[in-house]
Amino acid sequence: MLDLTKSRPVLREVNISEWDPDAKAFVKDLSGLEYVLFREYWNVYCNQDLTPDERAEGALNAFILAVVGADGQPLTNVTQIGEMKNLSFRPVTRVLAMLLDPDREDDSLKKS
């Protein structure tokens, strides 16, 4: 039987320098429940019948769910969504791409 107490989350670094050039951010592996939530947020983001504001909230909720610091703690929270909507969307698209492909690395880190 597997010893699940030995499992550790995998963290993949992601570039969020458009928001904070000094921040170290990572996309964490999602648990089963978190993955279900991510798919719900993804569906909101992709739903053309919603307003752009609602769709952006879906993407930003996915970002908040998955992005942590090196200590594994969230870097953002839902109270910041209003502010986040006014920032560059590039960090969000990087995170979404990494969530959709668990083997993907952030190529923009090689340019930094």
Protein backbone atom coordinates (compact mmCIF):
# COMPACT_ATOMS: atom_id res chain seq x y z
CA MET A 1 0.00 0.00 0.00
CA LEU A 2 1.19 3.53 -0.72
CA ASP A 3 2.35 5.65 2.18
CA LEU A 4 0.45 8.83 1.35
CA THR A 5 2.01 10.66 4.29
CA LYS A 6 5.19 10.95 2.19
CA SER A 7 3.53 12.83 -0.66
CA ARG A 8 4.69 16.37 -1.24
CA PRO A 9 3.13 18.92 -3.56
CA VAL A 10 5.01 19.65 -6.75
CA LEU A 11 5.63 23.35 -7.31
CA ARG A 12 6.43 24.75 -10.76
CA GLU A 13 7.81 28.28 -10.89
CA VAL A 14 5.78 30.83 -12.81
CA ASN A 15 6.70 34.35 -13.85
CA ILE A 16 4.47 37.07 -12.38
CA SER A 17 6.98 39.88 -12.90
CA GLU A 18 4.35 42.10 -14.53
CA TRP A 19 2.73 42.30 -11.10
CA ASP A 20 5.79 42.17 -8.86
CA PRO A 21 9.29 41.80 -10.33
CA ASP A 22 10.66 40.50 -7.03
CA ALA A 23 7.98 37.90 -6.25
CA LYS A 24 8.71 34.19 -6.48
CA ALA A 25 5.53 32.41 -7.50
CA PHE A 26 4.75 28.76 -8.10
CA VAL A 27 1.85 26.79 -9.55
CA LYS A 28 1.05 23.96 -7.17
CA ASP A 29 -0.30 20.56 -8.09
CA LEU A 30 -4.02 20.58 -7.45
CA SER A 31 -5.81 18.09 -5.25
CA GLY A 32 -8.88 16.32 -6.62
CA LEU A 33 -11.24 18.86 -5.07
CA GLU A 34 -9.12 21.78 -6.24
CA TYR A 35 -9.08 20.37 -9.76
CA VAL A 36 -12.88 20.22 -9.78
CA LEU A 37 -12.96 23.87 -8.67
CA PHE A 38 -10.41 24.79 -11.32
CA ARG A 39 -12.57 23.19 -14.03
CA GLU A 40 -15.56 25.22 -12.80
CA TYR A 41 -13.50 28.43 -12.93
CA TRP A 42 -12.20 27.44 -16.38
CA ASN A 43 -15.77 26.91 -17.63
CA VAL A 44 -16.73 30.38 -16.37
CA TYR A 45 -13.72 31.90 -18.14
CA CYS A 46 -14.64 30.14 -21.41
CA ASN A 47 -18.37 30.93 -21.26
CA GLN A 48 -19.03 33.44 -24.05
CA ASP A 49 -22.51 34.16 -22.64
CA LEU A 50 -21.04 35.83 -19.55
CA THR A 51 -19.75 39.38 -19.31
CA PRO A 52 -16.02 40.02 -19.69
CA ASP A 53 -15.94 40.96 -16.00
CA GLU A 54 -17.47 37.62 -14.98
CA ARG A 55 -15.14 35.71 -17.27
CA ALA A 56 -12.09 37.52 -15.89
CA GLU A 57 -13.21 36.58 -12.37
CA GLY A 58 -13.28 32.93 -13.38
CA ALA A 59 -9.68 33.10 -14.60
CA LEU A 60 -8.54 35.06 -11.56
CA ASN A 61 -10.19 32.58 -9.19
CA ALA A 62 -8.24 29.80 -10.89
CA PHE A 63 -5.04 31.84 -10.44
CA ILE A 64 -5.76 32.37 -6.74
CA LEU A 65 -6.49 28.66 -6.29
CA ALA A 66 -3.20 27.52 -7.81
CA VAL A 67 -0.50 30.12 -7.18
CA VAL A 68 1.58 29.97 -4.02
CA GLY A 69 4.89 31.21 -2.69
CA ALA A 70 7.91 29.01 -2.01
CA ASP A 71 6.40 28.26 1.42
CA GLY A 72 3.28 26.80 -0.23
CA GLN A 73 1.04 29.61 1.04
CA PRO A 74 -1.28 31.52 -1.33
CA LEU A 75 0.11 34.77 -2.75
CA THR A 76 -3.28 36.33 -3.44
CA ASN A 77 -6.86 36.04 -2.27
CA VAL A 78 -10.35 36.80 -3.52
CA THR A 79 -10.42 40.21 -1.84
CA GLN A 80 -7.81 41.31 -4.41
CA ILE A 81 -9.77 40.34 -7.53
CA GLY A 82 -10.87 43.94 -8.17
CA GLU A 83 -7.25 45.11 -8.19
CA MET A 84 -6.06 42.10 -10.19
CA LYS A 85 -8.54 42.87 -12.99
CA ASN A 86 -6.67 46.11 -13.66
CA LEU A 87 -3.26 44.45 -14.01
CA SER A 88 -1.61 42.67 -16.93
CA PHE A 89 -3.34 39.39 -17.76
CA ARG A 90 -0.08 37.69 -18.83
CA PRO A 91 0.61 36.03 -15.46
CA VAL A 92 -2.93 34.64 -15.47
CA THR A 93 -2.60 33.13 -18.95
CA ARG A 94 0.71 31.51 -17.96
CA VAL A 95 -0.91 29.92 -14.92
CA LEU A 96 -3.95 28.72 -16.87
CA ALA A 97 -1.69 27.10 -19.47
CA MET A 98 0.26 25.36 -16.73
CA LEU A 99 -2.93 24.12 -15.07
CA LEU A 100 -4.23 22.73 -18.35
CA ASP A 101 -0.93 20.93 -19.00
CA PRO A 102 0.62 19.49 -15.81
CA ASP A 103 3.94 18.93 -17.61
CA ARG A 104 4.24 22.49 -18.90
CA GLU A 105 6.94 24.80 -17.60
CA ASP A 106 6.87 28.60 -17.85
CA ASP A 107 9.07 29.41 -20.86
CA SER A 108 9.06 33.12 -20.00
CA LEU A 109 11.37 32.37 -17.06
CA LYS A 110 14.13 31.55 -19.53
CA LYS A 111 13.83 35.08 -20.94
CA SER A 112 14.05 36.79 -17.54
